[in-house]
Amino acid sequence: MISQGSSERNISIVIESTQLERAIGAIQSINAEGTVIRDFTYNSDVCAMSVVGAEMAGTPGVAGEIFSALGKEEISIIMISQGSSEFNISFVVKKKDAYKAAQAIHDMFKMGM
């Protein structure tokens, strides 16, 4: 998952933890002269999650409902990404909140877990 803030000069990416060292090496090689990237950090204590459904496209309020369900459980969202197809919304939460987030979304859509 890749996300770029429109008003900020940053790019956030999510990769598998097994690829972390390789990604750091790639970032360092891109920035060998220190002129492209000012700084980079990583956080391995996160979980990427996605909500996927064909009916989501063109249905106002789905993202709001998802994030409200997470907010009611006091789960902070670290990163959000949605493709232009509107078939899915992906987001990142702390690992410790992943199960509770999945449960909240399943409850919201009235799905068993």
PDB file of N, CA and C in Angstrom:
ATOM      1  N   MET A   1       0.852  -1.165   0.000  1.00  0.00           N
ATOM      2  CA  MET A   1       0.000   0.000   0.000  1.00  0.00           C
ATOM      3  C   MET A   1       0.901   1.231   0.000  1.00  0.00           C
ATOM      4  N   ILE A   2       0.574   2.197  -0.834  1.00  0.00           N
ATOM      5  CA  ILE A   2       1.319   3.446  -0.924  1.00  0.00           C
ATOM      6  C   ILE A   2       0.335   4.599  -0.782  1.00  0.00           C
ATOM      7  N   SER A   3       0.711   5.598  -0.019  1.00  0.00           N
ATOM      8  CA  SER A   3      -0.141   6.769   0.169  1.00  0.00           C
ATOM      9  C   SER A   3       0.732   8.013   0.174  1.00  0.00           C
ATOM     10  N   GLN A   4       0.282   9.056  -0.521  1.00  0.00           N
ATOM     11  CA  GLN A   4       1.003  10.324  -0.523  1.00  0.00           C
ATOM     12  C   GLN A   4       0.047  11.426  -0.116  1.00  0.00           C
ATOM     13  N   GLY A   5       0.448  12.195   0.871  1.00  0.00           N
ATOM     14  CA  GLY A   5      -0.375  13.312   1.311  1.00  0.00           C
ATOM     15  C   GLY A   5      -0.362  14.427   0.279  1.00  0.00           C
ATOM     16  N   SER A   6      -1.509  15.026   0.018  1.00  0.00           N
ATOM     17  CA  SER A   6      -1.589  16.057  -1.015  1.00  0.00           C
ATOM     18  C   SER A   6      -0.920  17.361  -0.601  1.00  0.00           C
ATOM     19  N   SER A   7      -0.926  17.679   0.671  1.00  0.00           N
ATOM     20  CA  SER A   7      -0.335  18.938   1.104  1.00  0.00           C
ATOM     21  C   SER A   7       1.019  18.750   1.779  1.00  0.00           C
ATOM     22  N   GLU A   8       1.444  17.525   1.873  1.00  0.00           N
ATOM     23  CA  GLU A   8       2.711  17.252   2.536  1.00  0.00           C
ATOM     24  C   GLU A   8       3.699  16.687   1.535  1.00  0.00           C
ATOM     25  N   ARG A   9       4.929  16.751   1.883  1.00  0.00           N
ATOM     26  CA  ARG A   9       5.966  16.186   1.028  1.00  0.00           C
ATOM     27  C   ARG A   9       6.430  14.859   1.609  1.00  0.00           C
ATOM     28  N   ASN A  10       5.497  13.951   1.700  1.00  0.00           N
ATOM     29  CA  ASN A  10       5.857  12.635   2.224  1.00  0.00           C
ATOM     30  C   ASN A  10       5.126  11.541   1.466  1.00  0.00           C
ATOM     31  N   ILE A  11       5.707  10.376   1.494  1.00  0.00           N
ATOM     32  CA  ILE A  11       5.104   9.184   0.912  1.00  0.00           C
ATOM     33  C   ILE A  11       5.182   8.100   1.975  1.00  0.00           C
ATOM     34  N   SER A  12       4.068   7.423   2.210  1.00  0.00           N
ATOM     35  CA  SER A  12       4.033   6.310   3.157  1.00  0.00           C
ATOM     36  C   SER A  12       3.838   5.025   2.375  1.00  0.00           C
ATOM     37  N   ILE A  13       4.572   3.994   2.753  1.00  0.00           N
ATOM     38  CA  ILE A  13       4.413   2.693   2.104  1.00  0.00           C
ATOM     39  C   ILE A  13       4.269   1.618   3.167  1.00  0.00           C
ATOM     40  N   VAL A  14       3.591   0.552   2.813  1.00  0.00           N
ATOM     41  CA  VAL A  14       3.461  -0.610   3.691  1.00  0.00           C
ATOM     42  C   VAL A  14       4.050  -1.793   2.946  1.00  0.00           C
ATOM     43  N   ILE A  15       4.959  -2.493   3.599  1.00  0.00           N
ATOM     44  CA  ILE A  15       5.581  -3.682   3.016  1.00  0.00           C
ATOM     45  C   ILE A  15       5.574  -4.796   4.052  1.00  0.00           C
ATOM     46  N   GLU A  16       5.815  -6.003   3.592  1.00  0.00           N
ATOM     47  CA  GLU A  16       5.950  -7.117   4.534  1.00  0.00           C
ATOM     48  C   GLU A  16       7.219  -6.931   5.348  1.00  0.00           C
ATOM     49  N   SER A  17       7.166  -7.298   6.610  1.00  0.00           N
ATOM     50  CA  SER A  17       8.321  -7.117   7.490  1.00  0.00           C
ATOM     51  C   SER A  17       9.547  -7.873   6.993  1.00  0.00           C
ATOM     52  N   THR A  18       9.333  -8.962   6.266  1.00  0.00           N
ATOM     53  CA  THR A  18      10.467  -9.728   5.736  1.00  0.00           C
ATOM     54  C   THR A  18      11.227  -8.953   4.662  1.00  0.00           C
ATOM     55  N   GLN A  19      10.625  -7.896   4.131  1.00  0.00           N
ATOM     56  CA  GLN A  19      11.259  -7.100   3.077  1.00  0.00           C
ATOM     57  C   GLN A  19      11.846  -5.780   3.597  1.00  0.00           C
ATOM     58  N   LEU A  20      11.825  -5.577   4.918  1.00  0.00           N
ATOM     59  CA  LEU A  20      12.250  -4.304   5.485  1.00  0.00           C
ATOM     60  C   LEU A  20      13.694  -3.950   5.138  1.00  0.00           C
ATOM     61  N   GLU A  21      14.619  -4.852   5.381  1.00  0.00           N
ATOM     62  CA  GLU A  21      16.033  -4.552   5.112  1.00  0.00           C
ATOM     63  C   GLU A  21      16.263  -4.235   3.640  1.00  0.00           C
ATOM     64  N   ARG A  22      15.599  -4.968   2.771  1.00  0.00           N
ATOM     65  CA  ARG A  22      15.718  -4.727   1.330  1.00  0.00           C
ATOM     66  C   ARG A  22      15.170  -3.340   0.967  1.00  0.00           C
ATOM     67  N   ALA A  23      14.041  -2.978   1.559  1.00  0.00           N
ATOM     68  CA  ALA A  23      13.442  -1.664   1.295  1.00  0.00           C
ATOM     69  C   ALA A  23      14.337  -0.538   1.797  1.00  0.00           C
ATOM     70  N   ILE A  24      14.904  -0.709   2.980  1.00  0.00           N
ATOM     71  CA  ILE A  24      15.812   0.311   3.515  1.00  0.00           C
ATOM     72  C   ILE A  24      17.006   0.480   2.583  1.00  0.00           C
ATOM     73  N   GLY A  25      17.560  -0.621   2.098  1.00  0.00           N
ATOM     74  CA  GLY A  25      18.676  -0.551   1.153  1.00  0.00           C
ATOM     75  C   GLY A  25      18.304   0.187  -0.120  1.00  0.00           C
ATOM     76  N   ALA A  26      17.109  -0.080  -0.631  1.00  0.00           N
ATOM     77  CA  ALA A  26      16.654   0.594  -1.857  1.00  0.00           C
ATOM     78  C   ALA A  26      16.490   2.089  -1.618  1.00  0.00           C
ATOM     79  N   ILE A  27      15.923   2.461  -0.483  1.00  0.00           N
ATOM     80  CA  ILE A  27      15.744   3.878  -0.160  1.00  0.00           C
ATOM     81  C   ILE A  27      17.097   4.563  -0.023  1.00  0.00           C
ATOM     82  N   GLN A  28      18.033   3.907   0.636  1.00  0.00           N
ATOM     83  CA  GLN A  28      19.360   4.495   0.803  1.00  0.00           C
ATOM     84  C   GLN A  28      20.077   4.647  -0.534  1.00  0.00           C
ATOM     85  N   SER A  29      19.894   3.708  -1.454  1.00  0.00           N
ATOM     86  CA  SER A  29      20.556   3.825  -2.757  1.00  0.00           C
ATOM     87  C   SER A  29      19.938   4.943  -3.598  1.00  0.00           C
ATOM     88  N   ILE A  30      18.629   5.139  -3.484  1.00  0.00           N
ATOM     89  CA  ILE A  30      17.970   6.246  -4.189  1.00  0.00           C
ATOM     90  C   ILE A  30      18.488   7.577  -3.660  1.00  0.00           C
ATOM     91  N   ASN A  31      18.775   7.610  -2.394  1.00  0.00           N
ATOM     92  CA  ASN A  31      19.150   8.849  -1.719  1.00  0.00           C
ATOM     93  C   ASN A  31      20.644   8.919  -1.422  1.00  0.00           C
ATOM     94  N   ALA A  32      21.463   8.314  -2.256  1.00  0.00           N
ATOM     95  CA  ALA A  32      22.899   8.226  -2.003  1.00  0.00           C
ATOM     96  C   ALA A  32      23.542   9.589  -1.751  1.00  0.00           C
ATOM     97  N   GLU A  33      23.085  10.622  -2.447  1.00  0.00           N
ATOM     98  CA  GLU A  33      23.664  11.957  -2.278  1.00  0.00           C
ATOM     99  C   GLU A  33      22.918  12.792  -1.241  1.00  0.00           C
ATOM    100  N   GLY A  34      21.857  12.259  -0.689  1.00  0.00           N
ATOM    101  CA  GLY A  34      21.107  12.956   0.346  1.00  0.00           C
ATOM    102  C   GLY A  34      20.270  14.121  -0.143  1.00  0.00           C
ATOM    103  N   THR A  35      19.966  14.163  -1.431  1.00  0.00           N
ATOM    104  CA  THR A  35      19.219  15.298  -1.976  1.00  0.00           C
ATOM    105  C   THR A  35      17.758  14.982  -2.272  1.00  0.00           C
ATOM    106  N   VAL A  36      17.394  13.716  -2.305  1.00  0.00           N
ATOM    107  CA  VAL A  36      16.031  13.333  -2.664  1.00  0.00           C
ATOM    108  C   VAL A  36      15.164  13.139  -1.424  1.00  0.00           C
ATOM    109  N   ILE A  37      15.684  12.426  -0.454  1.00  0.00           N
ATOM    110  CA  ILE A  37      14.924  12.079   0.746  1.00  0.00           C
ATOM    111  C   ILE A  37      15.584  12.738   1.950  1.00  0.00           C
ATOM    112  N   ARG A  38      14.816  13.538   2.649  1.00  0.00           N
ATOM    113  CA  ARG A  38      15.351  14.216   3.829  1.00  0.00           C
ATOM    114  C   ARG A  38      15.494  13.249   4.994  1.00  0.00           C
ATOM    115  N   ASP A  39      14.485  12.390   5.181  1.00  0.00           N
ATOM    116  CA  ASP A  39      14.487  11.481   6.320  1.00  0.00           C
ATOM    117  C   ASP A  39      13.518  10.345   6.034  1.00  0.00           C
ATOM    118  N   PHE A  40      13.748   9.209   6.658  1.00  0.00           N
ATOM    119  CA  PHE A  40      12.749   8.140   6.591  1.00  0.00           C
ATOM    120  C   PHE A  40      12.742   7.381   7.903  1.00  0.00           C
ATOM    121  N   THR A  41      11.574   6.885   8.245  1.00  0.00           N
ATOM    122  CA  THR A  41      11.394   6.114   9.466  1.00  0.00           C
ATOM    123  C   THR A  41      10.598   4.866   9.128  1.00  0.00           C
ATOM    124  N   TYR A  42      10.607   3.921  10.028  1.00  0.00           N
ATOM    125  CA  TYR A  42       9.779   2.734   9.839  1.00  0.00           C
ATOM    126  C   TYR A  42       9.176   2.317  11.166  1.00  0.00           C
ATOM    127  N   ASN A  43       8.056   1.618  11.053  1.00  0.00           N
ATOM    128  CA  ASN A  43       7.334   1.141  12.225  1.00  0.00           C
ATOM    129  C   ASN A  43       6.879  -0.281  11.920  1.00  0.00           C
ATOM    130  N   SER A  44       7.413  -1.240  12.620  1.00  0.00           N
ATOM    131  CA  SER A  44       7.060  -2.641  12.360  1.00  0.00           C
ATOM    132  C   SER A  44       5.932  -3.136  13.270  1.00  0.00           C
ATOM    133  N   ASP A  45       5.353  -2.240  14.038  1.00  0.00           N
ATOM    134  CA  ASP A  45       4.297  -2.618  14.978  1.00  0.00           C
ATOM    135  C   ASP A  45       2.916  -2.243  14.444  1.00  0.00           C
ATOM    136  N   VAL A  46       2.696  -2.495  13.136  1.00  0.00           N
ATOM    137  CA  VAL A  46       1.435  -2.108  12.501  1.00  0.00           C
ATOM    138  C   VAL A  46       0.841  -3.273  11.722  1.00  0.00           C
ATOM    139  N   CYS A  47      -0.419  -3.107  11.361  1.00  0.00           N
ATOM    140  CA  CYS A  47      -1.135  -4.115  10.585  1.00  0.00           C
ATOM    141  C   CYS A  47      -1.940  -3.398   9.501  1.00  0.00           C
ATOM    142  N   ALA A  48      -1.769  -3.812   8.249  1.00  0.00           N
ATOM    143  CA  ALA A  48      -2.560  -3.268   7.144  1.00  0.00           C
ATOM    144  C   ALA A  48      -3.833  -4.093   7.015  1.00  0.00           C
ATOM    145  N   MET A  49      -4.958  -3.415   6.865  1.00  0.00           N
ATOM    146  CA  MET A  49      -6.253  -4.077   6.761  1.00  0.00           C
ATOM    147  C   MET A  49      -7.007  -3.484   5.577  1.00  0.00           C
ATOM    148  N   SER A  50      -7.893  -4.256   4.980  1.00  0.00           N
ATOM    149  CA  SER A  50      -8.706  -3.770   3.865  1.00  0.00           C
ATOM    150  C   SER A  50     -10.147  -4.213   4.028  1.00  0.00           C
ATOM    151  N   VAL A  51     -11.052  -3.355   3.601  1.00  0.00           N
ATOM    152  CA  VAL A  51     -12.468  -3.680   3.504  1.00  0.00           C
ATOM    153  C   VAL A  51     -12.771  -3.658   2.014  1.00  0.00           C
ATOM    154  N   VAL A  52     -13.287  -4.773   1.489  1.00  0.00           N
ATOM    155  CA  VAL A  52     -13.488  -4.923   0.048  1.00  0.00           C
ATOM    156  C   VAL A  52     -14.933  -5.321  -0.226  1.00  0.00           C
ATOM    157  N   GLY A  53     -15.546  -4.688  -1.225  1.00  0.00           N
ATOM    158  CA  GLY A  53     -16.907  -5.057  -1.606  1.00  0.00           C
ATOM    159  C   GLY A  53     -17.371  -4.282  -2.819  1.00  0.00           C
ATOM    160  N   ALA A  54     -17.976  -4.979  -3.765  1.00  0.00           N
ATOM    161  CA  ALA A  54     -18.447  -4.343  -5.000  1.00  0.00           C
ATOM    162  C   ALA A  54     -19.486  -3.269  -4.720  1.00  0.00           C
ATOM    163  N   GLU A  55     -20.314  -3.462  -3.695  1.00  0.00           N
ATOM    164  CA  GLU A  55     -21.363  -2.489  -3.395  1.00  0.00           C
ATOM    165  C   GLU A  55     -20.825  -1.198  -2.789  1.00  0.00           C
ATOM    166  N   MET A  56     -19.553  -1.190  -2.419  1.00  0.00           N
ATOM    167  CA  MET A  56     -18.972   0.018  -1.837  1.00  0.00           C
ATOM    168  C   MET A  56     -18.863   1.134  -2.870  1.00  0.00           C
ATOM    169  N   ALA A  57     -18.631   0.773  -4.127  1.00  0.00           N
ATOM    170  CA  ALA A  57     -18.447   1.773  -5.184  1.00  0.00           C
ATOM    171  C   ALA A  57     -19.709   2.615  -5.333  1.00  0.00           C
ATOM    172  N   GLY A  58     -19.544   3.910  -5.226  1.00  0.00           N
ATOM    173  CA  GLY A  58     -20.665   4.820  -5.410  1.00  0.00           C
ATOM    174  C   GLY A  58     -21.638   4.897  -4.253  1.00  0.00           C
ATOM    175  N   THR A  59     -21.323   4.256  -3.136  1.00  0.00           N
ATOM    176  CA  THR A  59     -22.205   4.304  -1.966  1.00  0.00           C
ATOM    177  C   THR A  59     -21.638   5.298  -0.955  1.00  0.00           C
ATOM    178  N   PRO A  60     -22.247   6.463  -0.835  1.00  0.00           N
ATOM    179  CA  PRO A  60     -21.732   7.466   0.097  1.00  0.00           C
ATOM    180  C   PRO A  60     -21.784   6.983   1.546  1.00  0.00           C
ATOM    181  N   GLY A  61     -20.769   7.352   2.312  1.00  0.00           N
ATOM    182  CA  GLY A  61     -20.786   7.104   3.746  1.00  0.00           C
ATOM    183  C   GLY A  61     -20.140   5.823   4.225  1.00  0.00           C
ATOM    184  N   VAL A  62     -19.729   4.935   3.308  1.00  0.00           N
ATOM    185  CA  VAL A  62     -19.146   3.663   3.753  1.00  0.00           C
ATOM    186  C   VAL A  62     -17.861   3.910   4.535  1.00  0.00           C
ATOM    187  N   ALA A  63     -16.979   4.741   4.000  1.00  0.00           N
ATOM    188  CA  ALA A  63     -15.722   5.022   4.702  1.00  0.00           C
ATOM    189  C   ALA A  63     -16.006   5.641   6.067  1.00  0.00           C
ATOM    190  N   GLY A  64     -16.954   6.558   6.121  1.00  0.00           N
ATOM    191  CA  GLY A  64     -17.311   7.186   7.390  1.00  0.00           C
ATOM    192  C   GLY A  64     -17.801   6.181   8.414  1.00  0.00           C
ATOM    193  N   GLU A  65     -18.612   5.228   7.959  1.00  0.00           N
ATOM    194  CA  GLU A  65     -19.115   4.193   8.868  1.00  0.00           C
ATOM    195  C   GLU A  65     -17.977   3.316   9.383  1.00  0.00           C
ATOM    196  N   ILE A  66     -17.067   2.958   8.479  1.00  0.00           N
ATOM    197  CA  ILE A  66     -15.923   2.126   8.881  1.00  0.00           C
ATOM    198  C   ILE A  66     -15.099   2.850   9.936  1.00  0.00           C
ATOM    199  N   PHE A  67     -14.751   4.102   9.653  1.00  0.00           N
ATOM    200  CA  PHE A  67     -13.892   4.831  10.573  1.00  0.00           C
ATOM    201  C   PHE A  67     -14.615   5.193  11.867  1.00  0.00           C
ATOM    202  N   SER A  68     -15.924   5.385  11.814  1.00  0.00           N
ATOM    203  CA  SER A  68     -16.702   5.599  13.041  1.00  0.00           C
ATOM    204  C   SER A  68     -16.691   4.350  13.912  1.00  0.00           C
ATOM    205  N   ALA A  69     -16.832   3.179  13.280  1.00  0.00           N
ATOM    206  CA  ALA A  69     -16.794   1.914  14.029  1.00  0.00           C
ATOM    207  C   ALA A  69     -15.447   1.746  14.724  1.00  0.00           C
ATOM    208  N   LEU A  70     -14.374   2.111  14.036  1.00  0.00           N
ATOM    209  CA  LEU A  70     -13.044   2.014  14.644  1.00  0.00           C
ATOM    210  C   LEU A  70     -12.890   3.048  15.757  1.00  0.00           C
ATOM    211  N   GLY A  71     -13.402   4.254  15.533  1.00  0.00           N
ATOM    212  CA  GLY A  71     -13.320   5.301  16.546  1.00  0.00           C
ATOM    213  C   GLY A  71     -14.052   4.937  17.824  1.00  0.00           C
ATOM    214  N   LYS A  72     -15.208   4.286  17.687  1.00  0.00           N
ATOM    215  CA  LYS A  72     -15.966   3.858  18.868  1.00  0.00           C
ATOM    216  C   LYS A  72     -15.169   2.876  19.713  1.00  0.00           C
ATOM    217  N   GLU A  73     -14.277   2.135  19.065  1.00  0.00           N
ATOM    218  CA  GLU A  73     -13.420   1.185  19.785  1.00  0.00           C
ATOM    219  C   GLU A  73     -12.093   1.819  20.204  1.00  0.00           C
ATOM    220  N   GLU A  74     -11.983   3.145  19.997  1.00  0.00           N
ATOM    221  CA  GLU A  74     -10.771   3.902  20.335  1.00  0.00           C
ATOM    222  C   GLU A  74      -9.545   3.383  19.593  1.00  0.00           C
ATOM    223  N   ILE A  75      -9.745   3.043  18.321  1.00  0.00           N
ATOM    224  CA  ILE A  75      -8.658   2.563  17.470  1.00  0.00           C
ATOM    225  C   ILE A  75      -8.216   3.710  16.573  1.00  0.00           C
ATOM    226  N   SER A  76      -6.947   4.077  16.666  1.00  0.00           N
ATOM    227  CA  SER A  76      -6.399   5.140  15.828  1.00  0.00           C
ATOM    228  C   SER A  76      -5.976   4.575  14.481  1.00  0.00           C
ATOM    229  N   ILE A  77      -6.275   5.323  13.431  1.00  0.00           N
ATOM    230  CA  ILE A  77      -5.880   4.936  12.080  1.00  0.00           C
ATOM    231  C   ILE A  77      -4.597   5.681  11.743  1.00  0.00           C
ATOM    232  N   ILE A  78      -3.583   4.938  11.338  1.00  0.00           N
ATOM    233  CA  ILE A  78      -2.276   5.509  11.054  1.00  0.00           C
ATOM    234  C   ILE A  78      -2.174   5.971   9.605  1.00  0.00           C
ATOM    235  N   MET A  79      -2.825   5.244   8.708  1.00  0.00           N
ATOM    236  CA  MET A  79      -2.717   5.525   7.276  1.00  0.00           C
ATOM    237  C   MET A  79      -3.974   5.030   6.579  1.00  0.00           C
ATOM    238  N   ILE A  80      -4.416   5.750   5.534  1.00  0.00           N
ATOM    239  CA  ILE A  80      -5.607   5.370   4.769  1.00  0.00           C
ATOM    240  C   ILE A  80      -5.282   5.438   3.283  1.00  0.00           C
ATOM    241  N   SER A  81      -5.828   4.488   2.521  1.00  0.00           N
ATOM    242  CA  SER A  81      -5.680   4.508   1.065  1.00  0.00           C
ATOM    243  C   SER A  81      -6.941   3.938   0.437  1.00  0.00           C
ATOM    244  N   GLN A  82      -7.420   4.598  -0.620  1.00  0.00           N
ATOM    245  CA  GLN A  82      -8.568   4.074  -1.361  1.00  0.00           C
ATOM    246  C   GLN A  82      -8.279   4.236  -2.843  1.00  0.00           C
ATOM    247  N   GLY A  83      -8.494   3.172  -3.598  1.00  0.00           N
ATOM    248  CA  GLY A  83      -8.293   3.219  -5.037  1.00  0.00           C
ATOM    249  C   GLY A  83      -9.432   3.931  -5.736  1.00  0.00           C
ATOM    250  N   SER A  84      -9.207   4.323  -6.974  1.00  0.00           N
ATOM    251  CA  SER A  84     -10.227   5.056  -7.728  1.00  0.00           C
ATOM    252  C   SER A  84     -11.453   4.204  -8.037  1.00  0.00           C
ATOM    253  N   SER A  85     -11.320   2.885  -7.984  1.00  0.00           N
ATOM    254  CA  SER A  85     -12.461   2.003  -8.252  1.00  0.00           C
ATOM    255  C   SER A  85     -13.491   2.038  -7.125  1.00  0.00           C
ATOM    256  N   GLU A  86     -13.093   2.476  -5.950  1.00  0.00           N
ATOM    257  CA  GLU A  86     -13.934   2.541  -4.749  1.00  0.00           C
ATOM    258  C   GLU A  86     -14.405   1.170  -4.268  1.00  0.00           C
ATOM    259  N   PHE A  87     -13.791   0.100  -4.742  1.00  0.00           N
ATOM    260  CA  PHE A  87     -14.167  -1.246  -4.306  1.00  0.00           C
ATOM    261  C   PHE A  87     -13.513  -1.628  -2.983  1.00  0.00           C
ATOM    262  N   ASN A  88     -12.517  -0.856  -2.559  1.00  0.00           N
ATOM    263  CA  ASN A  88     -11.863  -1.199  -1.304  1.00  0.00           C
ATOM    264  C   ASN A  88     -11.332   0.043  -0.603  1.00  0.00           C
ATOM    265  N   ILE A  89     -11.209  -0.081   0.694  1.00  0.00           N
ATOM    266  CA  ILE A  89     -10.567   0.926   1.524  1.00  0.00           C
ATOM    267  C   ILE A  89      -9.544   0.170   2.358  1.00  0.00           C
ATOM    268  N   SER A  90      -8.303   0.613   2.292  1.00  0.00           N
ATOM    269  CA  SER A  90      -7.244  -0.003   3.082  1.00  0.00           C
ATOM    270  C   SER A  90      -6.784   0.995   4.134  1.00  0.00           C
ATOM    271  N   PHE A  91      -6.383   0.470   5.263  1.00  0.00           N
ATOM    272  CA  PHE A  91      -5.924   1.339   6.341  1.00  0.00           C
ATOM    273  C   PHE A  91      -4.945   0.571   7.214  1.00  0.00           C
ATOM    274  N   VAL A  92      -4.198   1.311   8.007  1.00  0.00           N
ATOM    275  CA  VAL A  92      -3.183   0.730   8.880  1.00  0.00           C
ATOM    276  C   VAL A  92      -3.516   1.103  10.319  1.00  0.00           C
ATOM    277  N   VAL A  93      -3.438   0.104  11.195  1.00  0.00           N
ATOM    278  CA  VAL A  93      -3.639   0.301  12.632  1.00  0.00           C
ATOM    279  C   VAL A  93      -2.477  -0.355  13.372  1.00  0.00           C
ATOM    280  N   LYS A  94      -2.370  -0.082  14.655  1.00  0.00           N
ATOM    281  CA  LYS A  94      -1.362  -0.765  15.468  1.00  0.00           C
ATOM    282  C   LYS A  94      -1.702  -2.249  15.527  1.00  0.00           C
ATOM    283  N   LYS A  95      -0.672  -3.085  15.577  1.00  0.00           N
ATOM    284  CA  LYS A  95      -0.888  -4.538  15.640  1.00  0.00           C
ATOM    285  C   LYS A  95      -1.803  -4.923  16.792  1.00  0.00           C
ATOM    286  N   LYS A  96      -1.624  -4.278  17.928  1.00  0.00           N
ATOM    287  CA  LYS A  96      -2.417  -4.638  19.113  1.00  0.00           C
ATOM    288  C   LYS A  96      -3.909  -4.374  18.911  1.00  0.00           C
ATOM    289  N   ASP A  97      -4.255  -3.525  17.938  1.00  0.00           N
ATOM    290  CA  ASP A  97      -5.655  -3.188  17.680  1.00  0.00           C
ATOM    291  C   ASP A  97      -6.264  -3.958  16.510  1.00  0.00           C
ATOM    292  N   ALA A  98      -5.491  -4.793  15.836  1.00  0.00           N
ATOM    293  CA  ALA A  98      -5.951  -5.436  14.598  1.00  0.00           C
ATOM    294  C   ALA A  98      -7.179  -6.323  14.813  1.00  0.00           C
ATOM    295  N   TYR A  99      -7.155  -7.176  15.813  1.00  0.00           N
ATOM    296  CA  TYR A  99      -8.301  -8.071  16.036  1.00  0.00           C
ATOM    297  C   TYR A  99      -9.547  -7.265  16.390  1.00  0.00           C
ATOM    298  N   LYS A 100      -9.380  -6.287  17.276  1.00  0.00           N
ATOM    299  CA  LYS A 100     -10.512  -5.453  17.686  1.00  0.00           C
ATOM    300  C   LYS A 100     -11.066  -4.676  16.483  1.00  0.00           C
ATOM    301  N   ALA A 101     -10.188  -4.229  15.583  1.00  0.00           N
ATOM    302  CA  ALA A 101     -10.625  -3.515  14.375  1.00  0.00           C
ATOM    303  C   ALA A 101     -11.421  -4.441  13.467  1.00  0.00           C
ATOM    304  N   ALA A 102     -10.919  -5.647  13.264  1.00  0.00           N
ATOM    305  CA  ALA A 102     -11.632  -6.619  12.422  1.00  0.00           C
ATOM    306  C   ALA A 102     -12.999  -6.937  13.017  1.00  0.00           C
ATOM    307  N   GLN A 103     -13.049  -7.106  14.323  1.00  0.00           N
ATOM    308  CA  GLN A 103     -14.320  -7.402  14.994  1.00  0.00           C
ATOM    309  C   GLN A 103     -15.303  -6.247  14.832  1.00  0.00           C
ATOM    310  N   ALA A 104     -14.826  -5.022  14.991  1.00  0.00           N
ATOM    311  CA  ALA A 104     -15.698  -3.845  14.867  1.00  0.00           C
ATOM    312  C   ALA A 104     -16.282  -3.742  13.461  1.00  0.00           C
ATOM    313  N   ILE A 105     -15.465  -4.018  12.456  1.00  0.00           N
ATOM    314  CA  ILE A 105     -15.947  -3.939  11.071  1.00  0.00           C
ATOM    315  C   ILE A 105     -16.906  -5.082  10.770  1.00  0.00           C
ATOM    316  N   HIS A 106     -16.591  -6.277  11.242  1.00  0.00           N
ATOM    317  CA  HIS A 106     -17.518  -7.400  11.054  1.00  0.00           C
ATOM    318  C   HIS A 106     -18.861  -7.108  11.725  1.00  0.00           C
ATOM    319  N   ASP A 107     -18.821  -6.548  12.919  1.00  0.00           N
ATOM    320  CA  ASP A 107     -20.059  -6.198  13.619  1.00  0.00           C
ATOM    321  C   ASP A 107     -20.844  -5.141  12.843  1.00  0.00           C
ATOM    322  N   MET A 108     -20.139  -4.152  12.306  1.00  0.00           N
ATOM    323  CA  MET A 108     -20.795  -3.080  11.568  1.00  0.00           C
ATOM    324  C   MET A 108     -21.526  -3.616  10.339  1.00  0.00           C
ATOM    325  N   PHE A 109     -20.885  -4.555   9.624  1.00  0.00           N
ATOM    326  CA  PHE A 109     -21.495  -5.141   8.432  1.00  0.00           C
ATOM    327  C   PHE A 109     -22.354  -6.362   8.763  1.00  0.00           C
ATOM    328  N   LYS A 110     -22.506  -6.642  10.058  1.00  0.00           N
ATOM    329  CA  LYS A 110     -23.300  -7.782  10.533  1.00  0.00           C
ATOM    330  C   LYS A 110     -22.812  -9.103   9.946  1.00  0.00           C
ATOM    331  N   MET A 111     -21.492  -9.282  10.025  1.00  0.00           N
ATOM    332  CA  MET A 111     -20.847 -10.519   9.569  1.00  0.00           C
ATOM    333  C   MET A 111     -20.315 -11.241  10.802  1.00  0.00           C
ATOM    334  N   GLY A 112     -20.346 -12.536  10.799  1.00  0.00           N
ATOM    335  CA  GLY A 112     -19.780 -13.288  11.912  1.00  0.00           C
ATOM    336  C   GLY A 112     -18.269 -13.274  11.854  1.00  0.00           C
ATOM    337  N   MET A 113     -17.650 -13.531  12.990  1.00  0.00           N
ATOM    338  CA  MET A 113     -16.191 -13.611  13.011  1.00  0.00           C
ATOM    339  C   MET A 113     -15.768 -14.736  13.914  1.00  0.00           C
TER     340      MET A 113
END
